[in-house]
Amino acid sequence: MRTLVIIFWRIFYPLVALAAASSEVVIYGGTLPGCVAAVAASRSGARRVVLIEPSLHLGGMTTGGLQHA
């Protein structure tokens, strides 16, 4: 079973080290490339992927309304 864990750094600070120690892939930064990397790692067969975002917002400027379609 594959698991993708998203940790918001400011809220769940104590869980960061625990989750990172028990995972195969750790990605720091929940911007669009970070989210894509997490999904790609999971699709490539990684059993546990942890995405750590220091703010309370995933997607960076793309989902913040600053990217034009």
PDB file of N, CA and C in Angstrom:
ATOM      1  N   MET A   1       0.831  -1.183   0.000  1.00  0.00           N
ATOM      2  CA  MET A   1       0.000   0.000   0.000  1.00  0.00           C
ATOM      3  C   MET A   1       0.875   1.246   0.000  1.00  0.00           C
ATOM      4  N   ARG A   2       0.587   2.157  -0.918  1.00  0.00           N
ATOM      5  CA  ARG A   2       1.350   3.384  -1.006  1.00  0.00           C
ATOM      6  C   ARG A   2       0.720   4.457  -0.138  1.00  0.00           C
ATOM      7  N   THR A   3       1.571   5.294   0.443  1.00  0.00           N
ATOM      8  CA  THR A   3       1.101   6.358   1.314  1.00  0.00           C
ATOM      9  C   THR A   3       1.766   7.661   0.929  1.00  0.00           C
ATOM     10  N   LEU A   4       0.966   8.705   0.783  1.00  0.00           N
ATOM     11  CA  LEU A   4       1.478  10.054   0.565  1.00  0.00           C
ATOM     12  C   LEU A   4       1.087  10.880   1.776  1.00  0.00           C
ATOM     13  N   VAL A   5       2.076  11.383   2.491  1.00  0.00           N
ATOM     14  CA  VAL A   5       1.838  12.160   3.706  1.00  0.00           C
ATOM     15  C   VAL A   5       2.233  13.600   3.439  1.00  0.00           C
ATOM     16  N   ILE A   6       1.329  14.518   3.736  1.00  0.00           N
ATOM     17  CA  ILE A   6       1.621  15.949   3.598  1.00  0.00           C
ATOM     18  C   ILE A   6       1.669  16.544   4.997  1.00  0.00           C
ATOM     19  N   ILE A   7       2.779  17.180   5.317  1.00  0.00           N
ATOM     20  CA  ILE A   7       2.958  17.771   6.641  1.00  0.00           C
ATOM     21  C   ILE A   7       3.140  19.272   6.500  1.00  0.00           C
ATOM     22  N   PHE A   8       2.290  20.026   7.180  1.00  0.00           N
ATOM     23  CA  PHE A   8       2.467  21.468   7.228  1.00  0.00           C
ATOM     24  C   PHE A   8       3.385  21.769   8.404  1.00  0.00           C
ATOM     25  N   TRP A   9       4.572  22.232   8.097  1.00  0.00           N
ATOM     26  CA  TRP A   9       5.679  22.377   9.039  1.00  0.00           C
ATOM     27  C   TRP A   9       5.298  23.131  10.298  1.00  0.00           C
ATOM     28  N   ARG A  10       4.584  24.219  10.192  1.00  0.00           N
ATOM     29  CA  ARG A  10       4.288  25.064  11.349  1.00  0.00           C
ATOM     30  C   ARG A  10       3.319  24.408  12.323  1.00  0.00           C
ATOM     31  N   ILE A  11       2.442  23.562  11.822  1.00  0.00           N
ATOM     32  CA  ILE A  11       1.436  22.941  12.688  1.00  0.00           C
ATOM     33  C   ILE A  11       1.953  21.646  13.308  1.00  0.00           C
ATOM     34  N   PHE A  12       2.575  20.819  12.498  1.00  0.00           N
ATOM     35  CA  PHE A  12       2.954  19.477  12.939  1.00  0.00           C
ATOM     36  C   PHE A  12       4.460  19.301  13.023  1.00  0.00           C
ATOM     37  N   TYR A  13       5.155  20.277  13.546  1.00  0.00           N
ATOM     38  CA  TYR A  13       6.613  20.242  13.631  1.00  0.00           C
ATOM     39  C   TYR A  13       7.160  18.966  14.265  1.00  0.00           C
ATOM     40  N   PRO A  14       6.593  18.447  15.362  1.00  0.00           N
ATOM     41  CA  PRO A  14       7.147  17.227  15.967  1.00  0.00           C
ATOM     42  C   PRO A  14       7.036  15.996  15.073  1.00  0.00           C
ATOM     43  N   LEU A  15       6.119  15.988  14.130  1.00  0.00           N
ATOM     44  CA  LEU A  15       5.940  14.814  13.271  1.00  0.00           C
ATOM     45  C   LEU A  15       6.924  14.757  12.115  1.00  0.00           C
ATOM     46  N   VAL A  16       7.606  15.859  11.829  1.00  0.00           N
ATOM     47  CA  VAL A  16       8.476  15.903  10.657  1.00  0.00           C
ATOM     48  C   VAL A  16       9.581  14.867  10.730  1.00  0.00           C
ATOM     49  N   ALA A  17      10.318  14.827  11.817  1.00  0.00           N
ATOM     50  CA  ALA A  17      11.424  13.878  11.950  1.00  0.00           C
ATOM     51  C   ALA A  17      10.923  12.440  11.961  1.00  0.00           C
ATOM     52  N   LEU A  18       9.828  12.195  12.619  1.00  0.00           N
ATOM     53  CA  LEU A  18       9.268  10.843  12.679  1.00  0.00           C
ATOM     54  C   LEU A  18       8.828  10.364  11.305  1.00  0.00           C
ATOM     55  N   ALA A  19       8.128  11.210  10.576  1.00  0.00           N
ATOM     56  CA  ALA A  19       7.662  10.829   9.244  1.00  0.00           C
ATOM     57  C   ALA A  19       8.821  10.680   8.270  1.00  0.00           C
ATOM     58  N   ALA A  20       9.793  11.564   8.359  1.00  0.00           N
ATOM     59  CA  ALA A  20      10.934  11.501   7.451  1.00  0.00           C
ATOM     60  C   ALA A  20      11.779  10.256   7.693  1.00  0.00           C
ATOM     61  N   ALA A  21      11.896   9.836   8.923  1.00  0.00           N
ATOM     62  CA  ALA A  21      12.724   8.676   9.239  1.00  0.00           C
ATOM     63  C   ALA A  21      12.103   7.377   8.737  1.00  0.00           C
ATOM     64  N   SER A  22      10.787   7.342   8.609  1.00  0.00           N
ATOM     65  CA  SER A  22      10.132   6.099   8.211  1.00  0.00           C
ATOM     66  C   SER A  22       9.637   6.129   6.770  1.00  0.00           C
ATOM     67  N   SER A  23      10.187   7.000   5.940  1.00  0.00           N
ATOM     68  CA  SER A  23       9.720   7.093   4.561  1.00  0.00           C
ATOM     69  C   SER A  23      10.855   6.828   3.578  1.00  0.00           C
ATOM     70  N   GLU A  24      10.473   6.518   2.346  1.00  0.00           N
ATOM     71  CA  GLU A  24      11.458   6.274   1.298  1.00  0.00           C
ATOM     72  C   GLU A  24      11.866   7.568   0.599  1.00  0.00           C
ATOM     73  N   VAL A  25      10.909   8.486   0.420  1.00  0.00           N
ATOM     74  CA  VAL A  25      11.159   9.750  -0.279  1.00  0.00           C
ATOM     75  C   VAL A  25      10.637  10.891   0.578  1.00  0.00           C
ATOM     76  N   VAL A  26      11.458  11.926   0.774  1.00  0.00           N
ATOM     77  CA  VAL A  26      11.050  13.125   1.498  1.00  0.00           C
ATOM     78  C   VAL A  26      11.256  14.314   0.571  1.00  0.00           C
ATOM     79  N   ILE A  27      10.199  15.097   0.388  1.00  0.00           N
ATOM     80  CA  ILE A  27      10.253  16.279  -0.473  1.00  0.00           C
ATOM     81  C   ILE A  27       9.931  17.486   0.389  1.00  0.00           C
ATOM     82  N   TYR A  28      10.816  18.474   0.367  1.00  0.00           N
ATOM     83  CA  TYR A  28      10.593  19.699   1.137  1.00  0.00           C
ATOM     84  C   TYR A  28      10.141  20.784   0.176  1.00  0.00           C
ATOM     85  N   GLY A  29       8.952  21.273   0.370  1.00  0.00           N
ATOM     86  CA  GLY A  29       8.412  22.342  -0.466  1.00  0.00           C
ATOM     87  C   GLY A  29       7.173  21.884  -1.197  1.00  0.00           C
ATOM     88  N   GLY A  30       6.045  22.424  -0.813  1.00  0.00           N
ATOM     89  CA  GLY A  30       4.793  22.028  -1.411  1.00  0.00           C
ATOM     90  C   GLY A  30       4.362  22.922  -2.559  1.00  0.00           C
ATOM     91  N   THR A  31       5.333  23.483  -3.284  1.00  0.00           N
ATOM     92  CA  THR A  31       4.999  24.236  -4.485  1.00  0.00           C
ATOM     93  C   THR A  31       4.544  23.244  -5.550  1.00  0.00           C
ATOM     94  N   LEU A  32       4.156  23.742  -6.710  1.00  0.00           N
ATOM     95  CA  LEU A  32       3.677  22.854  -7.761  1.00  0.00           C
ATOM     96  C   LEU A  32       4.707  21.774  -8.131  1.00  0.00           C
ATOM     97  N   PRO A  33       5.991  22.130  -8.327  1.00  0.00           N
ATOM     98  CA  PRO A  33       6.961  21.069  -8.615  1.00  0.00           C
ATOM     99  C   PRO A  33       7.117  20.056  -7.477  1.00  0.00           C
ATOM    100  N   GLY A  34       6.998  20.506  -6.236  1.00  0.00           N
ATOM    101  CA  GLY A  34       7.082  19.585  -5.109  1.00  0.00           C
ATOM    102  C   GLY A  34       5.927  18.604  -5.085  1.00  0.00           C
ATOM    103  N   CYS A  35       4.722  19.104  -5.358  1.00  0.00           N
ATOM    104  CA  CYS A  35       3.543  18.231  -5.404  1.00  0.00           C
ATOM    105  C   CYS A  35       3.650  17.232  -6.542  1.00  0.00           C
ATOM    106  N   VAL A  36       4.112  17.697  -7.702  1.00  0.00           N
ATOM    107  CA  VAL A  36       4.292  16.804  -8.851  1.00  0.00           C
ATOM    108  C   VAL A  36       5.358  15.756  -8.548  1.00  0.00           C
ATOM    109  N   ALA A  37       6.434  16.152  -7.893  1.00  0.00           N
ATOM    110  CA  ALA A  37       7.488  15.194  -7.532  1.00  0.00           C
ATOM    111  C   ALA A  37       6.973  14.140  -6.562  1.00  0.00           C
ATOM    112  N   ALA A  38       6.121  14.548  -5.626  1.00  0.00           N
ATOM    113  CA  ALA A  38       5.556  13.595  -4.670  1.00  0.00           C
ATOM    114  C   ALA A  38       4.656  12.579  -5.370  1.00  0.00           C
ATOM    115  N   VAL A  39       3.827  13.049  -6.279  1.00  0.00           N
ATOM    116  CA  VAL A  39       2.958  12.135  -7.017  1.00  0.00           C
ATOM    117  C   VAL A  39       3.784  11.221  -7.915  1.00  0.00           C
ATOM    118  N   ALA A  40       4.800  11.774  -8.574  1.00  0.00           N
ATOM    119  CA  ALA A  40       5.657  10.968  -9.445  1.00  0.00           C
ATOM    120  C   ALA A  40       6.410   9.907  -8.654  1.00  0.00           C
ATOM    121  N   ALA A  41       6.882  10.245  -7.467  1.00  0.00           N
ATOM    122  CA  ALA A  41       7.587   9.262  -6.637  1.00  0.00           C
ATOM    123  C   ALA A  41       6.642   8.142  -6.218  1.00  0.00           C
ATOM    124  N   SER A  42       5.422   8.508  -5.889  1.00  0.00           N
ATOM    125  CA  SER A  42       4.444   7.507  -5.499  1.00  0.00           C
ATOM    126  C   SER A  42       4.091   6.599  -6.670  1.00  0.00           C
ATOM    127  N   ARG A  43       3.908   7.169  -7.833  1.00  0.00           N
ATOM    128  CA  ARG A  43       3.592   6.374  -9.027  1.00  0.00           C
ATOM    129  C   ARG A  43       4.757   5.513  -9.476  1.00  0.00           C
ATOM    130  N   SER A  44       5.972   5.923  -9.105  1.00  0.00           N
ATOM    131  CA  SER A  44       7.161   5.144  -9.481  1.00  0.00           C
ATOM    132  C   SER A  44       7.391   3.952  -8.568  1.00  0.00           C
ATOM    133  N   GLY A  45       6.584   3.837  -7.523  1.00  0.00           N
ATOM    134  CA  GLY A  45       6.681   2.668  -6.674  1.00  0.00           C
ATOM    135  C   GLY A  45       7.159   2.909  -5.254  1.00  0.00           C
ATOM    136  N   ALA A  46       7.424   4.154  -4.896  1.00  0.00           N
ATOM    137  CA  ALA A  46       7.837   4.434  -3.519  1.00  0.00           C
ATOM    138  C   ALA A  46       6.671   4.113  -2.580  1.00  0.00           C
ATOM    139  N   ARG A  47       6.958   3.377  -1.526  1.00  0.00           N
ATOM    140  CA  ARG A  47       5.900   2.961  -0.607  1.00  0.00           C
ATOM    141  C   ARG A  47       5.389   4.091   0.269  1.00  0.00           C
ATOM    142  N   ARG A  48       6.281   4.973   0.699  1.00  0.00           N
ATOM    143  CA  ARG A  48       5.872   6.081   1.571  1.00  0.00           C
ATOM    144  C   ARG A  48       6.593   7.348   1.146  1.00  0.00           C
ATOM    145  N   VAL A  49       5.821   8.346   0.754  1.00  0.00           N
ATOM    146  CA  VAL A  49       6.346   9.634   0.311  1.00  0.00           C
ATOM    147  C   VAL A  49       5.859  10.700   1.283  1.00  0.00           C
ATOM    148  N   VAL A  50       6.771  11.531   1.754  1.00  0.00           N
ATOM    149  CA  VAL A  50       6.421  12.617   2.677  1.00  0.00           C
ATOM    150  C   VAL A  50       6.705  13.940   1.985  1.00  0.00           C
ATOM    151  N   LEU A  51       5.691  14.797   1.934  1.00  0.00           N
ATOM    152  CA  LEU A  51       5.814  16.137   1.372  1.00  0.00           C
ATOM    153  C   LEU A  51       5.704  17.126   2.527  1.00  0.00           C
ATOM    154  N   ILE A  52       6.757  17.888   2.754  1.00  0.00           N
ATOM    155  CA  ILE A  52       6.801  18.839   3.868  1.00  0.00           C
ATOM    156  C   ILE A  52       6.679  20.252   3.314  1.00  0.00           C
ATOM    157  N   GLU A  53       5.689  20.992   3.802  1.00  0.00           N
ATOM    158  CA  GLU A  53       5.468  22.374   3.376  1.00  0.00           C
ATOM    159  C   GLU A  53       5.594  23.289   4.585  1.00  0.00           C
ATOM    160  N   PRO A  54       6.494  24.295   4.526  1.00  0.00           N
ATOM    161  CA  PRO A  54       6.697  25.169   5.683  1.00  0.00           C
ATOM    162  C   PRO A  54       5.557  26.151   5.931  1.00  0.00           C
ATOM    163  N   SER A  55       4.767  26.450   4.927  1.00  0.00           N
ATOM    164  CA  SER A  55       3.644  27.370   5.140  1.00  0.00           C
ATOM    165  C   SER A  55       2.349  26.576   5.255  1.00  0.00           C
ATOM    166  N   LEU A  56       1.234  27.250   5.246  1.00  0.00           N
ATOM    167  CA  LEU A  56      -0.063  26.586   5.336  1.00  0.00           C
ATOM    168  C   LEU A  56      -0.751  26.501   3.984  1.00  0.00           C
ATOM    169  N   HIS A  57       0.018  26.555   2.904  1.00  0.00           N
ATOM    170  CA  HIS A  57      -0.559  26.642   1.564  1.00  0.00           C
ATOM    171  C   HIS A  57       0.187  25.720   0.606  1.00  0.00           C
ATOM    172  N   LEU A  58      -0.519  24.803  -0.024  1.00  0.00           N
ATOM    173  CA  LEU A  58       0.084  23.934  -1.034  1.00  0.00           C
ATOM    174  C   LEU A  58      -0.058  24.563  -2.416  1.00  0.00           C
ATOM    175  N   GLY A  59       0.902  24.330  -3.282  1.00  0.00           N
ATOM    176  CA  GLY A  59       0.810  24.767  -4.668  1.00  0.00           C
ATOM    177  C   GLY A  59       1.575  26.021  -5.007  1.00  0.00           C
ATOM    178  N   GLY A  60       2.053  26.727  -4.008  1.00  0.00           N
ATOM    179  CA  GLY A  60       2.839  27.932  -4.257  1.00  0.00           C
ATOM    180  C   GLY A  60       2.039  29.005  -4.976  1.00  0.00           C
ATOM    181  N   MET A  61       2.695  29.714  -5.895  1.00  0.00           N
ATOM    182  CA  MET A  61       2.043  30.815  -6.594  1.00  0.00           C
ATOM    183  C   MET A  61       0.998  30.327  -7.590  1.00  0.00           C
ATOM    184  N   THR A  62       1.106  29.084  -8.040  1.00  0.00           N
ATOM    185  CA  THR A  62       0.149  28.552  -9.005  1.00  0.00           C
ATOM    186  C   THR A  62      -1.259  28.504  -8.430  1.00  0.00           C
ATOM    187  N   THR A  63      -1.402  28.043  -7.193  1.00  0.00           N
ATOM    188  CA  THR A  63      -2.712  27.968  -6.575  1.00  0.00           C
ATOM    189  C   THR A  63      -3.034  29.199  -5.737  1.00  0.00           C
ATOM    190  N   GLY A  64      -2.090  30.113  -5.646  1.00  0.00           N
ATOM    191  CA  GLY A  64      -2.315  31.342  -4.895  1.00  0.00           C
ATOM    192  C   GLY A  64      -2.963  32.426  -5.740  1.00  0.00           C
ATOM    193  N   GLY A  65      -3.261  32.129  -7.007  1.00  0.00           N
ATOM    194  CA  GLY A  65      -3.931  33.082  -7.869  1.00  0.00           C
ATOM    195  C   GLY A  65      -3.014  33.984  -8.656  1.00  0.00           C
ATOM    196  N   LEU A  66      -1.708  33.724  -8.622  1.00  0.00           N
ATOM    197  CA  LEU A  66      -0.763  34.588  -9.331  1.00  0.00           C
ATOM    198  C   LEU A  66      -0.328  34.006 -10.679  1.00  0.00           C
ATOM    199  N   GLN A  67      -0.784  32.814 -11.004  1.00  0.00           N
ATOM    200  CA  GLN A  67      -0.422  32.172 -12.273  1.00  0.00           C
ATOM    201  C   GLN A  67      -1.560  32.369 -13.263  1.00  0.00           C
ATOM    202  N   HIS A  68      -1.252  32.820 -14.454  1.00  0.00           N
ATOM    203  CA  HIS A  68      -2.267  33.006 -15.486  1.00  0.00           C
ATOM    204  C   HIS A  68      -2.359  31.738 -16.325  1.00  0.00           C
ATOM    205  N   ALA A  69      -3.565  31.341 -16.656  1.00  0.00           N
ATOM    206  CA  ALA A  69      -3.771  30.117 -17.439  1.00  0.00           C
ATOM    207  C   ALA A  69      -3.584  30.358 -18.894  1.00  0.00           C
TER     208      ALA A  69
END
